Amino acid sequence: MTQRPRLPRTLQVLERGWLSANNVVLVNGDEATLVDSGYVSHAAQTVELLRDALDGRRLGRLLNTHSHSDHIGGNASVQRAFGCSITVPVGMAPAVNEWDEQALLLSTAAQSGERFHADATLSPGERFVAGELEWEAIAVPGHDMDALAYYNAERRILMSGDALWRDGFGILFADVLGTGDGLGEARRTLEEIGRLAVDVVIPGHGAPFAEFDDALGRAFARLRAFEADSARMARNAIRACMTFKLLEVRSMALDELPRHLAETPLYREANARFLGLDPDALAAWLVKELERAGVARREHGELVAH
């Protein structure tokens, strides 16, 4: 049985479930930094979890690893509650400050978010202190082309966001939507972080882990599978994003599902580029997949989240 790695006393991971990314709290004396804020529908819960973790300390700054809704959705609520500044990766700043819901994949994936303003940016190679440790921002494009990971060389800790999980990495949206080479960038990212000395990985989703080499091996295997079968990559994206949506809304009428898939740009583009199914056939396949995975069931004409 794998043991959870020991983290510095100045660092706490608020491990979240579906919809919200993990929140990382780093303490410097009476002040703290937060990395990522979860999904907008969980914002009140995030504020309460954070208030407990802060234990009277001041939250000075909120940093994001990348621009997706499950990482930035609580930003506005956290800033209102604690008066912190918000720092984002430099590449995502224009989309945030213009609130471009297409670039942020909100309208693209039928997800929600509350507008906020970025007070500062971080660029690859920049360093900052949080949790009494010095961190370096590292570019990790692929899942999000502007994403950053944060690395502490002294304690060999990597906050990887969605660039590396225990069993893979985040959806390669650029390939699914036809807007870029996510596969190539993800490979270069894995190669780059594979050259780091890492004892602990704090992923955007799931528990912190120490099995860095094994996780890299699994991520490369997943990448090779997608490179060999692009339709598999598209099916994975559709299944994952629809699971996310269903867990947000809790249920959806079965006869509405084909229309939802046809009208949502992510599903429409993924299907057109890789699968070529009519909306009814795509919906029928998806329902069976979600039932098989145990995340949904059919009930009284609706698809209901487990």
C-alpha atoms as a PDB file:
ATOM      1  CA  MET A   1       0.000   0.000   0.000  1.00  0.00           C
ATOM      2  CA  THR A   2       1.417   3.382  -1.027  1.00  0.00           C
ATOM      3  CA  GLN A   3       2.067   5.867   1.776  1.00  0.00           C
ATOM      4  CA  ARG A   4       1.239   9.521   1.299  1.00  0.00           C
ATOM      5  CA  PRO A   5       4.425  11.599   1.109  1.00  0.00           C
ATOM      6  CA  ARG A   6       5.377  13.896   3.942  1.00  0.00           C
ATOM      7  CA  LEU A   7       4.811  17.561   3.127  1.00  0.00           C
ATOM      8  CA  PRO A   8       6.527  20.581   4.717  1.00  0.00           C
ATOM      9  CA  ARG A   9       4.712  21.936   7.772  1.00  0.00           C
ATOM     10  CA  THR A  10       4.137  25.203   5.871  1.00  0.00           C
ATOM     11  CA  LEU A  11       2.190  23.500   3.059  1.00  0.00           C
ATOM     12  CA  GLN A  12      -1.324  22.053   3.195  1.00  0.00           C
ATOM     13  CA  VAL A  13      -3.249  20.414   0.345  1.00  0.00           C
ATOM     14  CA  LEU A  14      -7.029  20.724   0.410  1.00  0.00           C
ATOM     15  CA  GLU A  15      -7.815  17.688  -1.704  1.00  0.00           C
ATOM     16  CA  ARG A  16     -11.085  18.167  -3.587  1.00  0.00           C
ATOM     17  CA  GLY A  17     -13.366  15.854  -5.513  1.00  0.00           C
ATOM     18  CA  TRP A  18     -14.967  16.210  -8.933  1.00  0.00           C
ATOM     19  CA  LEU A  19     -15.599  19.747 -10.231  1.00  0.00           C
ATOM     20  CA  SER A  20     -12.952  21.440  -8.075  1.00  0.00           C
ATOM     21  CA  ALA A  21      -9.197  21.230  -8.411  1.00  0.00           C
ATOM     22  CA  ASN A  22      -7.069  20.808  -5.312  1.00  0.00           C
ATOM     23  CA  ASN A  23      -6.297  23.945  -3.311  1.00  0.00           C
ATOM     24  CA  VAL A  24      -2.764  24.334  -1.948  1.00  0.00           C
ATOM     25  CA  VAL A  25      -2.241  26.609   1.063  1.00  0.00           C
ATOM     26  CA  LEU A  26       1.321  27.800   1.741  1.00  0.00           C
ATOM     27  CA  VAL A  27       2.035  29.677   4.969  1.00  0.00           C
ATOM     28  CA  ASN A  28       4.702  32.299   5.682  1.00  0.00           C
ATOM     29  CA  GLY A  29       4.263  33.377   9.296  1.00  0.00           C
ATOM     30  CA  ASP A  30       0.988  35.306   9.527  1.00  0.00           C
ATOM     31  CA  GLU A  31       0.423  35.415   5.774  1.00  0.00           C
ATOM     32  CA  ALA A  32      -0.509  32.716   3.290  1.00  0.00           C
ATOM     33  CA  THR A  33      -0.627  32.014  -0.437  1.00  0.00           C
ATOM     34  CA  LEU A  34      -3.278  29.899  -2.160  1.00  0.00           C
ATOM     35  CA  VAL A  35      -2.757  27.955  -5.389  1.00  0.00           C
ATOM     36  CA  ASP A  36      -5.996  27.398  -7.381  1.00  0.00           C
ATOM     37  CA  SER A  37      -9.524  27.977  -6.132  1.00  0.00           C
ATOM     38  CA  GLY A  38     -11.841  25.271  -7.501  1.00  0.00           C
ATOM     39  CA  TYR A  39     -15.076  25.466  -9.486  1.00  0.00           C
ATOM     40  CA  VAL A  40     -17.581  28.308  -9.164  1.00  0.00           C
ATOM     41  CA  SER A  41     -20.404  26.143  -7.796  1.00  0.00           C
ATOM     42  CA  HIS A  42     -18.083  25.041  -4.951  1.00  0.00           C
ATOM     43  CA  ALA A  43     -16.918  28.587  -4.160  1.00  0.00           C
ATOM     44  CA  ALA A  44     -18.707  28.901  -0.810  1.00  0.00           C
ATOM     45  CA  GLN A  45     -17.263  25.562   0.298  1.00  0.00           C
ATOM     46  CA  THR A  46     -13.811  26.645  -0.869  1.00  0.00           C
ATOM     47  CA  VAL A  47     -14.034  29.826   1.211  1.00  0.00           C
ATOM     48  CA  GLU A  48     -14.996  27.871   4.324  1.00  0.00           C
ATOM     49  CA  LEU A  49     -12.278  25.252   3.832  1.00  0.00           C
ATOM     50  CA  LEU A  50      -9.761  28.022   3.293  1.00  0.00           C
ATOM     51  CA  ARG A  51     -10.923  29.994   6.326  1.00  0.00           C
ATOM     52  CA  ASP A  52     -10.337  26.913   8.475  1.00  0.00           C
ATOM     53  CA  ALA A  53      -6.914  26.245   6.909  1.00  0.00           C
ATOM     54  CA  LEU A  54      -5.802  29.863   7.374  1.00  0.00           C
ATOM     55  CA  ASP A  55      -6.634  29.746  11.099  1.00  0.00           C
ATOM     56  CA  GLY A  56      -6.626  33.520  11.423  1.00  0.00           C
ATOM     57  CA  ARG A  57      -3.770  34.206   9.002  1.00  0.00           C
ATOM     58  CA  ARG A  58      -4.082  36.753   6.216  1.00  0.00           C
ATOM     59  CA  LEU A  59      -4.405  35.436   2.654  1.00  0.00           C
ATOM     60  CA  GLY A  60      -2.099  37.692   0.692  1.00  0.00           C
ATOM     61  CA  ARG A  61      -2.136  36.128  -2.753  1.00  0.00           C
ATOM     62  CA  LEU A  62      -3.946  33.613  -4.915  1.00  0.00           C
ATOM     63  CA  LEU A  63      -1.991  31.976  -7.761  1.00  0.00           C
ATOM     64  CA  ASN A  64      -3.435  29.920 -10.601  1.00  0.00           C
ATOM     65  CA  THR A  65      -1.717  27.114 -12.476  1.00  0.00           C
ATOM     66  CA  HIS A  66      -3.894  27.615 -15.561  1.00  0.00           C
ATOM     67  CA  SER A  67      -7.147  29.038 -16.854  1.00  0.00           C
ATOM     68  CA  HIS A  68      -9.673  26.193 -16.695  1.00  0.00           C
ATOM     69  CA  SER A  69     -12.919  26.567 -14.784  1.00  0.00           C
ATOM     70  CA  ASP A  70     -12.140  24.035 -12.060  1.00  0.00           C
ATOM     71  CA  HIS A  71      -8.997  25.989 -11.121  1.00  0.00           C
ATOM     72  CA  ILE A  72     -10.192  29.618 -11.387  1.00  0.00           C
ATOM     73  CA  GLY A  73     -13.893  29.337 -10.529  1.00  0.00           C
ATOM     74  CA  GLY A  74     -13.505  30.372  -6.895  1.00  0.00           C
ATOM     75  CA  ASN A  75     -11.133  33.277  -7.584  1.00  0.00           C
ATOM     76  CA  ALA A  76     -13.717  36.048  -7.301  1.00  0.00           C
ATOM     77  CA  SER A  77     -15.299  34.614  -4.145  1.00  0.00           C
ATOM     78  CA  VAL A  78     -11.925  34.049  -2.467  1.00  0.00           C
ATOM     79  CA  GLN A  79     -10.828  37.589  -3.274  1.00  0.00           C
ATOM     80  CA  ARG A  80     -14.073  39.027  -1.888  1.00  0.00           C
ATOM     81  CA  ALA A  81     -13.776  36.971   1.283  1.00  0.00           C
ATOM     82  CA  PHE A  82     -10.101  37.589   2.030  1.00  0.00           C
ATOM     83  CA  GLY A  83      -9.000  40.643   0.052  1.00  0.00           C
ATOM     84  CA  CYS A  84      -6.101  38.828  -1.634  1.00  0.00           C
ATOM     85  CA  SER A  85      -4.443  39.714  -4.919  1.00  0.00           C
ATOM     86  CA  ILE A  86      -4.729  37.324  -7.874  1.00  0.00           C
ATOM     87  CA  THR A  87      -1.727  36.259  -9.977  1.00  0.00           C
ATOM     88  CA  VAL A  88      -2.149  34.249 -13.188  1.00  0.00           C
ATOM     89  CA  PRO A  89       0.198  32.756 -15.781  1.00  0.00           C
ATOM     90  CA  VAL A  90       1.175  35.531 -18.160  1.00  0.00           C
ATOM     91  CA  GLY A  91      -0.268  33.806 -21.213  1.00  0.00           C
ATOM     92  CA  MET A  92      -3.784  33.624 -19.797  1.00  0.00           C
ATOM     93  CA  ALA A  93      -3.953  37.233 -18.583  1.00  0.00           C
ATOM     94  CA  PRO A  94      -5.540  38.713 -21.760  1.00  0.00           C
ATOM     95  CA  ALA A  95      -8.349  36.138 -21.767  1.00  0.00           C
ATOM     96  CA  VAL A  96      -9.023  36.777 -18.073  1.00  0.00           C
ATOM     97  CA  ASN A  97      -8.964  40.546 -18.255  1.00  0.00           C
ATOM     98  CA  GLU A  98     -11.147  40.606 -21.389  1.00  0.00           C
ATOM     99  CA  TRP A  99     -13.219  37.746 -19.931  1.00  0.00           C
ATOM    100  CA  ASP A 100     -13.084  35.824 -23.193  1.00  0.00           C
ATOM    101  CA  GLU A 101     -15.321  32.865 -22.357  1.00  0.00           C
ATOM    102  CA  GLN A 102     -14.336  31.040 -25.530  1.00  0.00           C
ATOM    103  CA  ALA A 103     -10.602  31.288 -24.805  1.00  0.00           C
ATOM    104  CA  LEU A 104     -11.249  30.250 -21.197  1.00  0.00           C
ATOM    105  CA  LEU A 105     -13.210  27.223 -22.531  1.00  0.00           C
ATOM    106  CA  LEU A 106     -16.288  28.263 -20.526  1.00  0.00           C
ATOM    107  CA  SER A 107     -18.700  28.656 -23.437  1.00  0.00           C
ATOM    108  CA  THR A 108     -16.732  26.054 -25.398  1.00  0.00           C
ATOM    109  CA  ALA A 109     -17.425  23.320 -22.836  1.00  0.00           C
ATOM    110  CA  ALA A 110     -20.733  24.647 -21.424  1.00  0.00           C
ATOM    111  CA  GLN A 111     -19.129  25.432 -18.066  1.00  0.00           C
ATOM    112  CA  SER A 112     -19.560  28.365 -15.710  1.00  0.00           C
ATOM    113  CA  GLY A 113     -17.254  30.923 -14.134  1.00  0.00           C
ATOM    114  CA  GLU A 114     -17.392  34.245 -12.305  1.00  0.00           C
ATOM    115  CA  ARG A 115     -15.418  37.105 -13.768  1.00  0.00           C
ATOM    116  CA  PHE A 116     -12.368  38.318 -11.867  1.00  0.00           C
ATOM    117  CA  HIS A 117      -9.419  40.618 -12.574  1.00  0.00           C
ATOM    118  CA  ALA A 118      -5.774  39.524 -12.607  1.00  0.00           C
ATOM    119  CA  ASP A 119      -3.639  41.835 -10.462  1.00  0.00           C
ATOM    120  CA  ALA A 120      -0.300  40.361 -11.551  1.00  0.00           C
ATOM    121  CA  THR A 121       1.226  37.713 -13.804  1.00  0.00           C
ATOM    122  CA  LEU A 122       3.906  35.047 -13.585  1.00  0.00           C
ATOM    123  CA  SER A 123       6.141  34.087 -16.507  1.00  0.00           C
ATOM    124  CA  PRO A 124       8.116  30.871 -16.994  1.00  0.00           C
ATOM    125  CA  GLY A 125      11.418  31.110 -15.118  1.00  0.00           C
ATOM    126  CA  GLU A 126      10.164  33.602 -12.535  1.00  0.00           C
ATOM    127  CA  ARG A 127      10.635  32.742  -8.872  1.00  0.00           C
ATOM    128  CA  PHE A 128       8.591  33.544  -5.786  1.00  0.00           C
ATOM    129  CA  VAL A 129       8.513  32.604  -2.101  1.00  0.00           C
ATOM    130  CA  ALA A 130       5.512  30.858  -0.563  1.00  0.00           C
ATOM    131  CA  GLY A 131       5.345  28.523   2.414  1.00  0.00           C
ATOM    132  CA  GLU A 132       8.908  29.590   3.366  1.00  0.00           C
ATOM    133  CA  LEU A 133      10.110  27.933   0.137  1.00  0.00           C
ATOM    134  CA  GLU A 134      11.317  29.340  -3.166  1.00  0.00           C
ATOM    135  CA  TRP A 135       9.338  28.192  -6.196  1.00  0.00           C
ATOM    136  CA  GLU A 136      10.139  28.431  -9.887  1.00  0.00           C
ATOM    137  CA  ALA A 137       7.384  28.800 -12.474  1.00  0.00           C
ATOM    138  CA  ILE A 138       7.819  26.229 -15.264  1.00  0.00           C
ATOM    139  CA  ALA A 139       5.929  26.273 -18.575  1.00  0.00           C
ATOM    140  CA  VAL A 140       3.872  23.077 -18.974  1.00  0.00           C
ATOM    141  CA  PRO A 141       1.802  23.459 -22.172  1.00  0.00           C
ATOM    142  CA  GLY A 142      -0.363  20.664 -23.529  1.00  0.00           C
ATOM    143  CA  HIS A 143      -3.555  20.476 -21.478  1.00  0.00           C
ATOM    144  CA  ASP A 144      -3.519  24.280 -21.373  1.00  0.00           C
ATOM    145  CA  MET A 145      -1.038  26.023 -23.622  1.00  0.00           C
ATOM    146  CA  ASP A 146      -0.322  28.762 -21.072  1.00  0.00           C
ATOM    147  CA  ALA A 147      -0.161  26.551 -17.972  1.00  0.00           C
ATOM    148  CA  LEU A 148       2.546  26.795 -15.337  1.00  0.00           C
ATOM    149  CA  ALA A 149       3.776  24.264 -12.794  1.00  0.00           C
ATOM    150  CA  TYR A 150       5.572  25.370  -9.637  1.00  0.00           C
ATOM    151  CA  TYR A 151       8.771  23.632  -8.548  1.00  0.00           C
ATOM    152  CA  ASN A 152      10.780  23.804  -5.332  1.00  0.00           C
ATOM    153  CA  ALA A 153      14.266  22.391  -5.853  1.00  0.00           C
ATOM    154  CA  GLU A 154      15.214  22.340  -2.158  1.00  0.00           C
ATOM    155  CA  ARG A 155      12.436  19.955  -1.102  1.00  0.00           C
ATOM    156  CA  ARG A 156      12.035  18.492  -4.622  1.00  0.00           C
ATOM    157  CA  ILE A 157       8.315  19.292  -4.774  1.00  0.00           C
ATOM    158  CA  LEU A 158       6.376  19.789  -8.004  1.00  0.00           C
ATOM    159  CA  MET A 159       2.936  21.405  -8.063  1.00  0.00           C
ATOM    160  CA  SER A 160       2.007  20.025 -11.454  1.00  0.00           C
ATOM    161  CA  GLY A 161      -1.534  21.300 -11.998  1.00  0.00           C
ATOM    162  CA  ASP A 162      -3.073  19.175 -14.755  1.00  0.00           C
ATOM    163  CA  ALA A 163       0.200  18.552 -16.616  1.00  0.00           C
ATOM    164  CA  LEU A 164       0.852  15.364 -14.611  1.00  0.00           C
ATOM    165  CA  TRP A 165      -1.471  13.272 -12.478  1.00  0.00           C
ATOM    166  CA  ARG A 166      -0.844   9.958 -10.766  1.00  0.00           C
ATOM    167  CA  ASP A 167      -2.453   8.260 -13.745  1.00  0.00           C
ATOM    168  CA  GLY A 168      -2.168  10.597 -16.718  1.00  0.00           C
ATOM    169  CA  PHE A 169      -2.837  14.260 -17.430  1.00  0.00           C
ATOM    170  CA  GLY A 170      -5.650  16.613 -18.418  1.00  0.00           C
ATOM    171  CA  ILE A 171      -7.592  16.663 -21.682  1.00  0.00           C
ATOM    172  CA  LEU A 172      -5.610  17.865 -24.708  1.00  0.00           C
ATOM    173  CA  PHE A 173      -8.142  20.463 -25.785  1.00  0.00           C
ATOM    174  CA  ALA A 174      -6.026  21.958 -28.572  1.00  0.00           C
ATOM    175  CA  ASP A 175      -6.003  18.686 -30.511  1.00  0.00           C
ATOM    176  CA  VAL A 176      -9.670  17.945 -29.865  1.00  0.00           C
ATOM    177  CA  LEU A 177     -10.699  21.429 -31.018  1.00  0.00           C
ATOM    178  CA  GLY A 178      -8.134  21.695 -33.806  1.00  0.00           C
ATOM    179  CA  THR A 179      -6.493  24.821 -32.394  1.00  0.00           C
ATOM    180  CA  GLY A 180      -2.942  23.547 -31.794  1.00  0.00           C
ATOM    181  CA  ASP A 181      -0.538  20.687 -31.191  1.00  0.00           C
ATOM    182  CA  GLY A 182      -1.433  19.610 -27.674  1.00  0.00           C
ATOM    183  CA  LEU A 183       0.086  16.161 -28.177  1.00  0.00           C
ATOM    184  CA  GLY A 184       3.457  17.567 -29.164  1.00  0.00           C
ATOM    185  CA  GLU A 185       3.433  20.135 -26.371  1.00  0.00           C
ATOM    186  CA  ALA A 186       2.382  17.535 -23.804  1.00  0.00           C
ATOM    187  CA  ARG A 187       5.268  15.295 -24.863  1.00  0.00           C
ATOM    188  CA  ARG A 188       7.738  18.155 -24.540  1.00  0.00           C
ATOM    189  CA  THR A 189       6.257  19.046 -21.143  1.00  0.00           C
ATOM    190  CA  LEU A 190       6.602  15.494 -19.821  1.00  0.00           C
ATOM    191  CA  GLU A 191      10.174  15.348 -21.088  1.00  0.00           C
ATOM    192  CA  GLU A 192      10.953  18.691 -19.432  1.00  0.00           C
ATOM    193  CA  ILE A 193       9.528  17.859 -16.022  1.00  0.00           C
ATOM    194  CA  GLY A 194      11.059  14.388 -16.273  1.00  0.00           C
ATOM    195  CA  ARG A 195      14.451  16.058 -16.038  1.00  0.00           C
ATOM    196  CA  LEU A 196      13.597  17.558 -12.650  1.00  0.00           C
ATOM    197  CA  ALA A 197      14.574  15.966  -9.341  1.00  0.00           C
ATOM    198  CA  VAL A 198      11.156  15.286  -7.786  1.00  0.00           C
ATOM    199  CA  ASP A 199      10.285  13.485  -4.549  1.00  0.00           C
ATOM    200  CA  VAL A 200       6.701  14.747  -4.201  1.00  0.00           C
ATOM    201  CA  VAL A 201       4.100  15.675  -6.800  1.00  0.00           C
ATOM    202  CA  ILE A 202       1.074  17.760  -5.815  1.00  0.00           C
ATOM    203  CA  PRO A 203      -1.307  17.301  -8.756  1.00  0.00           C
ATOM    204  CA  GLY A 204      -4.311  19.415  -9.631  1.00  0.00           C
ATOM    205  CA  HIS A 205      -6.533  16.408  -8.902  1.00  0.00           C
ATOM    206  CA  GLY A 206      -5.962  13.474  -6.577  1.00  0.00           C
ATOM    207  CA  ALA A 207      -3.709  12.955  -3.600  1.00  0.00           C
ATOM    208  CA  PRO A 208      -0.069  14.085  -3.490  1.00  0.00           C
ATOM    209  CA  PHE A 209       2.210  11.223  -4.466  1.00  0.00           C
ATOM    210  CA  ALA A 210       5.867  10.176  -4.453  1.00  0.00           C
ATOM    211  CA  GLU A 211       5.827   7.732  -7.398  1.00  0.00           C
ATOM    212  CA  PHE A 212       7.110  10.284  -9.886  1.00  0.00           C
ATOM    213  CA  ASP A 213       8.816   7.914 -12.338  1.00  0.00           C
ATOM    214  CA  ASP A 214       5.839   5.568 -12.419  1.00  0.00           C
ATOM    215  CA  ALA A 215       3.446   8.475 -13.019  1.00  0.00           C
ATOM    216  CA  LEU A 216       5.628   9.720 -15.866  1.00  0.00           C
ATOM    217  CA  GLY A 217       5.620   6.245 -17.386  1.00  0.00           C
ATOM    218  CA  ARG A 218       1.822   6.111 -17.225  1.00  0.00           C
ATOM    219  CA  ALA A 219       1.537   9.585 -18.725  1.00  0.00           C
ATOM    220  CA  PHE A 220       3.817   8.708 -21.643  1.00  0.00           C
ATOM    221  CA  ALA A 221       1.843   5.492 -22.234  1.00  0.00           C
ATOM    222  CA  ARG A 222      -1.392   7.505 -22.356  1.00  0.00           C
ATOM    223  CA  LEU A 223       0.219   9.954 -24.744  1.00  0.00           C
ATOM    224  CA  ARG A 224       1.347   7.155 -27.071  1.00  0.00           C
ATOM    225  CA  ALA A 225      -2.181   5.713 -27.036  1.00  0.00           C
ATOM    226  CA  PHE A 226      -3.602   9.080 -28.091  1.00  0.00           C
ATOM    227  CA  GLU A 227      -0.942   9.515 -30.763  1.00  0.00           C
ATOM    228  CA  ALA A 228      -1.839   6.084 -32.164  1.00  0.00           C
ATOM    229  CA  ASP A 229      -5.617   6.613 -32.010  1.00  0.00           C
ATOM    230  CA  SER A 230      -6.859  10.203 -32.108  1.00  0.00           C
ATOM    231  CA  ALA A 231     -10.484   9.038 -31.875  1.00  0.00           C
ATOM    232  CA  ARG A 232      -9.653   7.602 -28.453  1.00  0.00           C
ATOM    233  CA  MET A 233      -8.448  11.054 -27.397  1.00  0.00           C
ATOM    234  CA  ALA A 234     -11.711  12.604 -28.613  1.00  0.00           C
ATOM    235  CA  ARG A 235     -13.863  10.012 -26.848  1.00  0.00           C
ATOM    236  CA  ASN A 236     -11.928  10.597 -23.629  1.00  0.00           C
ATOM    237  CA  ALA A 237     -12.548  14.356 -23.880  1.00  0.00           C
ATOM    238  CA  ILE A 238     -16.270  13.954 -24.537  1.00  0.00           C
ATOM    239  CA  ARG A 239     -16.710  11.426 -21.740  1.00  0.00           C
ATOM    240  CA  ALA A 240     -14.738  13.466 -19.182  1.00  0.00           C
ATOM    241  CA  CYS A 241     -16.384  16.802 -19.948  1.00  0.00           C
ATOM    242  CA  MET A 242     -19.876  15.339 -19.999  1.00  0.00           C
ATOM    243  CA  THR A 243     -19.182  13.652 -16.656  1.00  0.00           C
ATOM    244  CA  PHE A 244     -18.142  17.062 -15.318  1.00  0.00           C
ATOM    245  CA  LYS A 245     -21.311  18.680 -16.675  1.00  0.00           C
ATOM    246  CA  LEU A 246     -23.585  15.977 -15.328  1.00  0.00           C
ATOM    247  CA  LEU A 247     -22.042  16.169 -11.876  1.00  0.00           C
ATOM    248  CA  GLU A 248     -22.634  19.925 -11.960  1.00  0.00           C
ATOM    249  CA  VAL A 249     -26.300  19.829 -13.059  1.00  0.00           C
ATOM    250  CA  ARG A 250     -27.001  16.395 -11.454  1.00  0.00           C
ATOM    251  CA  SER A 251     -29.412  15.276 -14.216  1.00  0.00           C
ATOM    252  CA  MET A 252     -30.290  15.892 -17.851  1.00  0.00           C
ATOM    253  CA  ALA A 253     -33.278  14.785 -19.904  1.00  0.00           C
ATOM    254  CA  LEU A 254     -32.248  11.987 -22.251  1.00  0.00           C
ATOM    255  CA  ASP A 255     -34.092  13.553 -25.165  1.00  0.00           C
ATOM    256  CA  GLU A 256     -32.176  16.814 -24.576  1.00  0.00           C
ATOM    257  CA  LEU A 257     -28.744  15.181 -24.674  1.00  0.00           C
ATOM    258  CA  PRO A 258     -28.347  15.016 -28.498  1.00  0.00           C
ATOM    259  CA  ARG A 259     -29.147  18.735 -28.764  1.00  0.00           C
ATOM    260  CA  HIS A 260     -26.709  19.571 -25.961  1.00  0.00           C
ATOM    261  CA  LEU A 261     -23.944  17.611 -27.688  1.00  0.00           C
ATOM    262  CA  ALA A 262     -24.686  19.252 -31.044  1.00  0.00           C
ATOM    263  CA  GLU A 263     -24.804  22.799 -29.627  1.00  0.00           C
ATOM    264  CA  THR A 264     -21.769  22.669 -27.322  1.00  0.00           C
ATOM    265  CA  PRO A 265     -18.649  23.535 -29.357  1.00  0.00           C
ATOM    266  CA  LEU A 266     -16.349  21.039 -27.632  1.00  0.00           C
ATOM    267  CA  TYR A 267     -18.560  18.022 -28.354  1.00  0.00           C
ATOM    268  CA  ARG A 268     -19.535  19.237 -31.810  1.00  0.00           C
ATOM    269  CA  GLU A 269     -15.916  19.778 -32.880  1.00  0.00           C
ATOM    270  CA  ALA A 270     -14.586  16.570 -31.321  1.00  0.00           C
ATOM    271  CA  ASN A 271     -17.313  14.556 -33.021  1.00  0.00           C
ATOM    272  CA  ALA A 272     -16.884  16.249 -36.391  1.00  0.00           C
ATOM    273  CA  ARG A 273     -13.107  15.959 -36.384  1.00  0.00           C
ATOM    274  CA  PHE A 274     -12.710  12.407 -35.084  1.00  0.00           C
ATOM    275  CA  LEU A 275     -15.933  10.381 -34.770  1.00  0.00           C
ATOM    276  CA  GLY A 276     -18.434  11.435 -37.434  1.00  0.00           C
ATOM    277  CA  LEU A 277     -21.548  10.276 -35.544  1.00  0.00           C
ATOM    278  CA  ASP A 278     -24.974  11.880 -35.784  1.00  0.00           C
ATOM    279  CA  PRO A 279     -26.117  13.504 -32.512  1.00  0.00           C
ATOM    280  CA  ASP A 280     -28.442  10.638 -31.570  1.00  0.00           C
ATOM    281  CA  ALA A 281     -25.728   8.032 -32.111  1.00  0.00           C
ATOM    282  CA  LEU A 282     -23.204  10.092 -30.149  1.00  0.00           C
ATOM    283  CA  ALA A 283     -25.685  10.475 -27.289  1.00  0.00           C
ATOM    284  CA  ALA A 284     -26.465   6.746 -27.267  1.00  0.00           C
ATOM    285  CA  TRP A 285     -22.758   5.875 -27.118  1.00  0.00           C
ATOM    286  CA  LEU A 286     -22.137   8.419 -24.360  1.00  0.00           C
ATOM    287  CA  VAL A 287     -25.002   7.209 -22.165  1.00  0.00           C
ATOM    288  CA  LYS A 288     -23.678   3.654 -22.344  1.00  0.00           C
ATOM    289  CA  GLU A 289     -20.156   4.860 -21.526  1.00  0.00           C
ATOM    290  CA  LEU A 290     -21.286   6.839 -18.495  1.00  0.00           C
ATOM    291  CA  GLU A 291     -23.376   3.925 -17.253  1.00  0.00           C
ATOM    292  CA  ARG A 292     -20.503   1.512 -17.779  1.00  0.00           C
ATOM    293  CA  ALA A 293     -18.174   3.830 -15.836  1.00  0.00           C
ATOM    294  CA  GLY A 294     -20.683   4.001 -12.986  1.00  0.00           C
ATOM    295  CA  VAL A 295     -21.014   7.781 -13.057  1.00  0.00           C
ATOM    296  CA  ALA A 296     -24.627   7.946 -14.301  1.00  0.00           C
ATOM    297  CA  ARG A 297     -27.809   5.948 -14.683  1.00  0.00           C
ATOM    298  CA  ARG A 298     -31.034   6.234 -16.693  1.00  0.00           C
ATOM    299  CA  GLU A 299     -34.045   7.069 -14.554  1.00  0.00           C
ATOM    300  CA  HIS A 300     -37.519   8.272 -15.624  1.00  0.00           C
ATOM    301  CA  GLY A 301     -36.305   9.640 -18.948  1.00  0.00           C
ATOM    302  CA  GLU A 302     -33.283  11.384 -17.453  1.00  0.00           C
ATOM    303  CA  LEU A 303     -29.580  10.724 -17.209  1.00  0.00           C
ATOM    304  CA  VAL A 304     -28.835  11.078 -13.503  1.00  0.00           C
ATOM    305  CA  ALA A 305     -25.403  11.443 -11.903  1.00  0.00           C
ATOM    306  CA  HIS A 306     -24.410   8.830  -9.331  1.00  0.00           C
END
